[in-house]
Protein backbone atom coordinates (compact mmCIF):
# COMPACT_ATOMS: atom_id res chain seq x y z
CA MET A 1 -28.82 9.93 60.09
CA VAL A 2 -25.66 12.13 58.80
CA LYS A 3 -23.02 9.43 57.98
CA ARG A 4 -25.40 7.20 56.31
CA ILE A 5 -26.14 9.94 54.40
CA LEU A 6 -22.61 10.78 53.84
CA LEU A 7 -21.46 7.04 52.61
CA LEU A 8 -24.30 6.90 51.10
CA ILE A 9 -22.98 9.49 48.68
CA PHE A 10 -19.48 8.47 48.91
CA LEU A 11 -20.32 5.53 48.01
CA TRP A 12 -22.80 6.64 44.55
CA THR A 13 -19.69 9.07 43.49
CA CYS A 14 -17.51 5.25 42.89
CA PHE A 15 -19.13 3.08 41.98
CA THR A 16 -21.61 5.46 39.28
CA PRO A 17 -20.84 5.63 35.88
CA THR A 18 -19.23 9.07 34.60
CA SER A 19 -19.47 11.11 30.96
CA ALA A 20 -16.37 12.21 32.22
CA THR A 21 -13.66 12.96 28.74
CA PRO A 22 -13.34 10.66 27.45
CA ARG A 23 -10.08 8.14 27.00
CA VAL A 24 -7.59 8.26 24.82
CA GLU A 25 -8.16 5.25 23.34
CA ASP A 26 -11.91 5.94 22.54
CA LYS A 27 -10.63 8.94 20.89
CA ALA A 28 -8.98 7.02 18.34
CA GLY A 29 -11.86 4.43 17.74
CA ASN A 30 -14.28 6.93 16.98
CA SER A 31 -12.14 8.79 14.96
CA ARG A 32 -11.23 5.94 13.34
CA GLU A 33 -14.91 5.19 12.80
CA LYS A 34 -15.21 8.68 11.65
CA ASP A 35 -12.80 8.09 9.11
CA SER A 36 -14.32 5.08 8.20
CA LEU A 37 -17.63 5.91 7.44
CA SER A 38 -15.98 9.38 5.36
CA PHE A 39 -14.20 6.70 2.93
CA VAL A 40 -16.96 4.54 2.16
CA ASN A 41 -19.08 6.88 1.51
CA ALA A 42 -17.36 9.22 -0.15
CA GLN A 43 -18.42 10.00 -4.15
CA TRP A 44 -16.10 7.75 -5.09
CA ILE A 45 -15.99 8.52 -9.42
CA THR A 46 -16.32 5.35 -11.08
CA THR A 47 -14.85 4.32 -15.13
CA SER A 48 -15.12 0.51 -16.07
CA TYR A 49 -12.24 -1.09 -18.51
CA HIS A 50 -12.67 -4.44 -20.20
CA LYS A 51 -15.95 -4.90 -20.22
CA GLY A 52 -15.73 -3.65 -15.50
CA GLY A 53 -12.73 -6.14 -14.80
CA ILE A 54 -10.67 -3.34 -14.27
CA LYS A 55 -12.15 -0.23 -12.39
CA LEU A 56 -10.89 2.90 -11.84
CA ARG A 57 -12.52 3.92 -8.14
CA GLN A 58 -11.68 7.74 -7.45
CA ALA A 59 -12.32 9.55 -4.56
CA ALA A 60 -10.59 13.58 -3.10
CA PHE A 61 -11.53 13.60 0.35
CA SER A 62 -11.46 17.92 1.28
CA ASP A 63 -12.27 20.41 4.13
CA SER A 64 -10.42 17.96 5.77
CA SER A 65 -12.93 15.18 6.55
CA LEU A 66 -10.40 12.32 6.33
CA PHE A 67 -7.22 11.06 9.45
CA ASN A 68 -8.58 15.10 9.64
CA SER A 69 -6.74 15.60 6.47
CA ASN A 70 -7.04 16.65 2.72
CA GLN A 71 -6.22 13.41 0.92
CA PHE A 72 -6.94 11.77 -2.82
CA ILE A 73 -6.76 8.27 -3.38
CA SER A 74 -6.92 6.08 -6.66
CA VAL A 75 -7.96 2.85 -6.67
CA LEU A 76 -7.53 0.10 -9.57
CA GLU A 77 -10.04 -3.08 -8.88
CA ILE A 78 -9.32 -6.12 -10.81
CA SER A 79 -10.89 -9.05 -12.21
CA SER A 80 -8.79 -12.26 -11.39
CA SER A 81 -9.01 -12.85 -15.29
CA PHE A 82 -6.56 -10.87 -15.60
CA ARG A 83 -2.89 -11.69 -15.19
CA PHE A 84 0.12 -10.22 -13.54
CA ASP A 85 4.22 -9.70 -14.50
CA ILE A 86 7.00 -8.19 -12.70
CA VAL A 87 8.33 -5.89 -15.52
CA ALA A 88 11.38 -4.44 -14.97
CA ASP A 89 14.98 -3.36 -16.56
CA THR A 90 18.73 -2.12 -15.89
CA VAL A 91 18.25 1.61 -16.10
CA LEU A 92 15.37 3.42 -14.16
CA VAL A 93 11.99 3.86 -16.40
CA HIS A 94 8.79 5.62 -16.12
CA THR A 95 5.59 3.51 -14.16
CA SER A 96 3.74 4.43 -17.74
CA ASP A 97 7.10 3.63 -19.89
CA PHE A 98 7.15 -0.17 -18.02
CA VAL A 99 3.49 -0.68 -18.45
CA ASP A 100 3.14 0.18 -22.64
CA TYR A 101 6.39 -2.01 -22.91
CA ALA A 102 4.64 -4.76 -21.32
CA GLY A 103 2.19 -4.44 -23.75
CA ALA A 104 0.51 -4.12 -20.11
CA LEU A 105 -3.57 -2.72 -19.34
CA ALA A 106 -2.64 -0.73 -16.37
CA GLY A 107 0.33 -1.00 -13.33
CA ILE A 108 1.11 0.46 -10.26
CA ASN A 109 5.57 1.07 -9.63
CA GLY A 110 6.98 -1.43 -7.67
CA SER A 111 9.64 -1.51 -4.66
CA PHE A 112 12.09 0.48 -3.75
CA PHE A 113 15.26 1.51 -5.50
CA VAL A 114 19.38 2.67 -5.10
CA TRP A 115 21.50 3.39 -7.45
CA PHE A 116 24.64 1.55 -6.67
CA ALA A 117 22.68 -2.49 -6.70
CA PRO A 118 21.85 -4.72 -9.43
CA TRP A 119 19.35 -3.74 -12.31
CA LYS A 120 19.14 -1.00 -9.80
CA SER A 121 16.61 -2.62 -5.97
CA ASP A 122 17.28 -2.51 -3.29
CA ASN A 123 15.34 -5.48 -3.29
CA TYR A 124 14.85 -9.23 -3.96
CA LEU A 125 14.02 -9.80 -7.87
CA ARG A 126 13.68 -12.48 -9.49
CA ILE A 127 11.55 -12.72 -12.90
CA ASP A 128 11.06 -15.89 -14.92
CA GLY A 129 12.49 -17.49 -12.52
CA LYS A 130 15.50 -15.85 -12.62
CA GLU A 131 17.82 -13.62 -9.89
CA LEU A 132 18.33 -10.71 -10.75
CA ALA A 133 18.88 -8.83 -6.75
CA PRO A 134 19.62 -9.46 -3.72
CA ASN A 135 18.47 -8.03 -0.81
CA GLN A 136 20.41 -4.46 -0.03
CA THR A 137 20.92 -5.86 4.36
CA THR A 138 22.54 -3.44 7.37
CA LYS A 139 25.84 -3.75 7.94
CA GLU A 140 25.70 -6.58 9.97
CA GLY A 141 23.44 -8.24 7.67
CA LEU A 142 19.85 -7.96 8.70
CA ARG A 143 16.60 -7.21 6.60
CA SER A 144 14.45 -3.77 7.09
CA PHE A 145 11.56 -4.16 7.32
CA ARG A 146 10.90 -2.60 3.57
CA GLN A 147 11.28 -6.60 3.18
CA SER A 148 9.56 -8.33 5.57
CA GLY A 149 7.35 -8.99 2.31
CA CYS A 150 7.33 -9.52 -1.25
CA LEU A 151 4.43 -9.81 -4.51
CA GLY A 152 4.71 -12.83 -6.13
CA VAL A 153 3.60 -14.29 -9.57
CA SER A 154 2.17 -17.53 -10.43
CA PRO A 155 3.69 -19.32 -13.80
CA LYS A 156 -0.25 -18.57 -14.67
CA GLY A 157 -0.21 -15.14 -14.49
CA ARG A 158 -2.11 -14.94 -10.36
CA LEU A 159 0.13 -12.71 -8.20
CA LEU A 160 0.41 -13.58 -4.33
CA ILE A 161 1.72 -11.56 -1.60
CA PHE A 162 4.44 -13.12 0.75
CA LYS A 163 5.59 -12.25 4.17
CA VAL A 164 8.31 -12.94 5.81
CA PRO A 165 8.09 -15.15 9.38
CA ASP A 166 9.10 -13.42 12.54
CA HIS A 167 11.93 -15.47 12.80
CA VAL A 168 13.36 -15.32 9.89
CA LEU A 169 13.71 -10.84 10.23
CA PRO A 170 15.84 -10.88 12.84
CA THR A 171 18.68 -13.31 11.01
CA GLN A 172 21.50 -13.40 8.11
CA ASP A 173 19.22 -15.42 6.08
CA ASN A 174 20.25 -13.70 3.24
CA ASP A 175 18.35 -14.69 0.72
CA LEU A 176 17.68 -18.30 1.52
CA TRP A 177 13.45 -17.69 2.28
CA GLU A 178 13.40 -15.37 -0.66
CA LYS A 179 15.90 -18.06 -2.52
CA ASN A 180 12.97 -21.54 -1.24
CA THR A 181 9.68 -19.47 -2.12
CA ALA A 182 7.91 -20.63 -5.40
CA SER A 183 7.23 -18.19 -7.59
CA GLU A 184 7.67 -17.33 -11.11
CA ASP A 185 8.32 -13.89 -10.38
CA LEU A 186 9.00 -12.46 -6.78
CA LEU A 187 9.47 -9.06 -5.89
CA SER A 188 10.80 -8.59 -2.20
CA SER A 189 8.79 -5.00 -0.56
CA GLY A 190 7.27 -4.13 2.87
CA PRO A 191 5.84 -3.07 5.20
CA VAL A 192 2.96 -6.70 5.26
CA LEU A 193 -0.56 -4.40 6.21
CA ARG A 194 -1.87 -7.92 5.78
CA MET A 195 -2.63 -11.33 5.77
CA LYS A 196 -4.94 -13.53 6.09
CA GLY A 197 -8.28 -10.52 7.10
CA LYS A 198 -5.95 -9.78 9.64
CA ASP A 199 -3.84 -6.53 10.24
CA GLU A 200 -0.43 -6.91 10.72
CA PRO A 201 2.11 -5.00 12.86
CA VAL A 202 3.40 -1.46 12.25
CA LEU A 203 6.51 -0.79 13.04
CA HIS A 204 6.71 2.78 15.31
CA HIS A 205 9.05 4.65 12.65
CA SER A 206 9.87 7.97 11.37
CA PHE A 207 8.61 6.14 8.30
CA ASN A 208 6.13 4.74 8.67
CA THR A 209 5.14 7.76 11.25
CA THR A 210 5.39 10.79 8.72
CA ARG A 211 2.74 11.03 5.76
CA HIS A 212 3.82 10.08 2.76
CA PRO A 213 2.73 9.77 -1.12
CA ARG A 214 1.68 5.85 -0.62
CA SER A 215 1.14 2.86 -3.39
CA ALA A 216 0.16 -0.61 -2.11
CA VAL A 217 -0.85 -3.79 -3.47
CA GLY A 218 -4.05 -5.69 -2.39
CA ILE A 219 -6.10 -9.22 -2.99
CA ARG A 220 -9.29 -9.71 -1.46
CA LYS A 221 -10.06 -13.55 -0.92
CA GLY A 222 -12.41 -14.32 -3.54
CA GLY A 223 -9.54 -12.64 -5.74
CA LYS A 224 -9.26 -9.98 -6.97
CA VAL A 225 -7.08 -7.45 -7.17
CA LEU A 226 -6.50 -2.87 -5.37
CA LEU A 227 -3.93 -1.68 -6.37
CA VAL A 228 -3.49 1.72 -3.96
CA VAL A 229 -2.08 5.43 -3.96
CA ALA A 230 -2.58 7.44 -2.05
CA ASP A 231 -1.14 10.85 -3.23
CA GLY A 232 0.33 13.21 -1.45
CA ARG A 233 2.30 16.41 -0.52
CA HIS A 234 0.29 18.31 -1.88
CA LYS A 235 -3.22 20.73 -0.24
CA GLU A 236 -4.79 18.88 -1.82
CA ALA A 237 -3.43 15.78 -1.07
CA ALA A 238 -1.53 15.71 2.42
CA GLY A 239 -0.30 11.60 2.58
CA VAL A 240 -1.13 8.86 4.52
CA SER A 241 0.90 7.36 7.09
CA MET A 242 1.76 3.49 7.09
CA ALA A 243 -1.38 3.13 9.57
CA GLU A 244 -3.14 4.58 7.90
CA LEU A 245 -2.93 3.35 4.86
CA GLN A 246 -3.32 0.04 6.87
CA HIS A 247 -6.67 0.80 7.47
CA ILE A 248 -7.29 2.28 3.73
CA MET A 249 -6.32 -1.48 2.58
CA ARG A 250 -8.98 -2.94 5.59
CA TRP A 251 -11.10 -0.77 4.60
CA LEU A 252 -11.10 -1.48 0.68
CA LYS A 253 -11.75 -5.40 2.23
CA ALA A 254 -7.51 -6.26 1.00
CA TRP A 255 -7.05 -9.78 2.56
CA ASP A 256 -4.10 -9.65 1.79
CA ALA A 257 -1.93 -5.98 1.27
CA ILE A 258 1.54 -4.68 1.04
CA ASN A 259 3.10 -1.39 0.51
CA LEU A 260 5.86 -0.65 -2.25
CA ASP A 261 7.32 2.16 -2.91
CA GLY A 262 6.25 5.62 -1.92
CA GLY A 263 7.46 9.04 -1.74
CA GLY A 264 7.22 10.69 -5.58
CA SER A 265 7.61 7.05 -6.97
CA SER A 266 3.80 6.33 -6.12
CA THR A 267 1.97 5.91 -10.04
CA LEU A 268 -0.83 4.37 -10.75
CA CYS A 269 -1.54 4.17 -14.61
CA VAL A 270 -4.57 2.01 -16.96
CA ARG A 271 -5.91 2.49 -21.33
CA LYS A 272 -8.43 1.45 -22.68
CA THR A 273 -6.17 -1.19 -25.29
CA THR A 274 -2.38 -1.58 -25.97
CA ARG A 275 -3.57 -0.04 -29.03
CA ASP A 276 -4.10 3.35 -26.47
CA SER A 277 -1.85 6.00 -24.43
CA VAL A 278 -1.08 5.08 -20.62
CA GLU A 279 -3.33 7.18 -18.77
CA ILE A 280 -2.04 8.31 -15.54
CA VAL A 281 -4.55 8.82 -13.01
CA ASN A 282 -2.87 9.57 -9.74
CA HIS A 283 -1.11 13.15 -9.75
CA PRO A 284 2.87 11.56 -8.77
CA SER A 285 4.55 14.69 -7.08
CA ASP A 286 8.18 14.54 -7.97
CA ASN A 287 7.62 18.13 -9.51
CA LYS A 288 5.33 18.97 -6.43
CA LEU A 289 1.98 20.31 -8.49
CA PHE A 290 -0.95 19.27 -8.11
CA ASP A 291 -1.57 17.05 -11.61
CA THR A 292 -0.47 13.92 -13.87
CA LYS A 293 3.05 15.20 -15.35
CA GLY A 294 5.53 14.70 -12.03
CA GLU A 295 6.44 11.23 -13.16
CA ARG A 296 9.29 10.01 -11.62
CA ARG A 297 11.84 7.24 -13.64
CA VAL A 298 11.75 3.44 -10.85
CA ALA A 299 13.27 0.19 -11.17
CA ASN A 300 10.42 -1.97 -11.13
CA ALA A 301 5.96 -2.04 -11.21
CA LEU A 302 3.36 -4.27 -10.82
CA VAL A 303 1.99 -4.25 -14.57
CA VAL A 304 -1.20 -6.29 -15.44
CA LYS A 305 -2.07 -7.81 -18.68
C-alpha cells in the first residue's frame, strides 16, 4: 500500500504542470507585450498639417515605461497623395536645409555617409535616373548589412522599399542589383526591418544591439508612409536597438520598413507651407542637449512634396 502511494506521488510530480519561474522566452514575450501596450496606449500628441494629409504624432515615455527605458518617439504619417524625392549634395547639408532648398513640406535624414566617397555617400545613390555614387564595399568587395535594402522613388513620386535578395548579399555584385532595379531615385540603406508584413532577421552586431538614436521609413499596406525617429543619448531618451526599432515599426503597422542613418544624423522636420520656416520636431543629439538645435549635416535626405 505504501509503495503504491509513493508511486502515485512520483507520477503526480512528473506530469503535473508547475508554476515555476517562467522560461527566458516567456519573460521576453511578456516584456514585449507590456512594451506593445505601453506604446499603443501612450499619450500621443498629434499635430495635423496640410488638411490632415500629414500628421505628426509624438510620445514621451518616462519612468522607464518603454523597453525599460525613457524614450521619445516622433512619427510623421503621410498620405499616399504626396510625392517623395531623394535629395543630395556634393557637400554635407542639414536635413532641414535639404527640405527648404527642395521646396518640400517635410523630410527625414537619409542614408550613411563618409567624407571620401562621391557625393559623400557610403551607399549607392541614384537621383532622377542618374547614378551618383556606388556602394562603398569591404576590401573583399562585399556589401555591408547597412546596404541590404533600398529606398526607391517612382517617376510619379511614389515611395518604395526594396530588399536585396539573400543570394546577392554575400557576392561581389558591384552594385549590379541596384543598377537593375527600376526606380527614378534609389538610395541604398539597411538593415531592412520588415518586408511584406513580416519581420526580417536582424544581424547580431554591436551596431544593431547598442541603443542609438534611430531613423526609419515604413510603408503601410494601404500606401501611407511613416517617417520615424527615436531620439537617444539623453536621460529623456535612451535610444533603441535595431530589434527595438523593428518592434516600433511593427506596432506602427508598417508593411515594409527600412533603417536609415541614425545617431547624431537622426532628424525629422516639417512645415505648414513652403513659405514657412522648416521646424525640427525631434531632438538631434549632436549638441548633447535635449533640444532641437543639435542637427548634424548629412549627405542626403528623403523629402515630402
